[in-house]
Protein backbone atom coordinates (compact mmCIF):
# COMPACT_ATOMS: atom_id res chain seq x y z
CA UNK A 1 -24.49 14.01 -1.88
CA UNK A 2 -21.39 12.19 -0.59
CA UNK A 3 -18.70 13.91 1.42
CA UNK A 4 -15.60 15.10 -0.45
CA UNK A 5 -12.49 13.24 0.66
CA UNK A 6 -9.15 14.98 1.05
CA UNK A 7 -6.22 13.51 -0.87
CA UNK A 8 -3.92 12.74 2.07
CA UNK A 9 -0.72 12.77 -0.02
CA UNK A 10 -1.52 16.26 -1.29
CA UNK A 11 -2.55 17.43 2.20
CA UNK A 12 0.95 16.61 3.46
CA UNK A 13 2.61 18.54 0.63
CA UNK A 14 0.58 21.75 0.50
CA UNK A 15 -0.60 24.27 3.05
CA UNK A 16 -2.76 27.33 2.68
CA UNK A 17 -1.55 30.88 3.27
CA UNK A 18 -3.57 33.63 4.91
CA UNK A 19 -4.68 35.00 1.54
CA UNK A 20 -5.81 31.58 0.32
CA UNK A 21 -2.86 30.67 -1.90
CA UNK A 22 -1.02 27.37 -1.53
CA UNK A 23 2.54 26.96 -0.26
CA UNK A 24 4.78 24.18 -1.51
CA UNK A 25 8.35 22.98 -1.06
CA UNK A 26 10.94 23.09 -3.83
CA UNK A 27 11.92 19.94 -5.70
CA UNK A 28 15.49 18.59 -6.19
CA UNK A 29 16.47 18.78 -2.51
CA UNK A 30 16.25 15.14 -1.43
CA UNK A 31 19.37 13.37 -2.73
CA UNK A 32 22.51 13.73 -4.88
CA UNK A 33 23.28 16.96 -3.06
CA UNK A 34 27.08 16.79 -3.39
CA UNK A 35 27.11 18.10 -6.96
CA UNK A 36 24.74 21.00 -6.22
CA UNK A 37 26.22 24.29 -5.07
CA UNK A 38 25.55 25.60 -1.59
CA UNK A 39 23.74 28.65 -2.95
CA UNK A 40 21.32 26.47 -4.89
CA UNK A 41 20.65 24.19 -1.89
CA UNK A 42 20.10 27.21 0.32
CA UNK A 43 17.49 28.64 -2.08
CA UNK A 44 15.71 25.27 -2.22
CA UNK A 45 15.14 25.31 1.55
CA UNK A 46 12.54 28.04 1.38
CA UNK A 47 8.93 27.42 0.47
CA UNK A 48 7.29 29.02 -2.56
CA UNK A 49 3.76 29.44 -3.85
CA UNK A 50 1.90 27.15 -6.22
CA UNK A 51 1.34 28.77 -9.61
CA UNK A 52 -2.03 30.46 -10.08
CA UNK A 53 -3.00 28.09 -12.92
CA UNK A 54 -2.48 25.05 -10.66
CA UNK A 55 -4.37 26.37 -7.63
CA UNK A 56 -7.73 25.05 -8.86
CA UNK A 57 -6.32 21.50 -9.15
CA UNK A 58 -4.81 21.67 -5.66
CA UNK A 59 -8.08 23.02 -4.24
CA UNK A 60 -9.90 19.97 -5.57
CA UNK A 61 -7.34 17.63 -3.96
CA UNK A 62 -7.46 19.36 -0.57
CA UNK A 63 -10.91 20.94 -0.22
CA UNK A 64 -10.90 21.10 3.59
CA UNK A 65 -7.54 22.78 4.17
């Protein structure tokens, strides 16, 4: 049985929490920030959790995290 490789792009984008869920960053925070309000940009700074339905897919991409 071959070893399972980690998807390196996904490994840089997701991290595991203590309870085994996955953390991710918000989208829409990289450019064209002048038209977005400060409140919206401030909320986008904080990490959030990956949806429960997507956790299985992420687990297959990053099995060793």
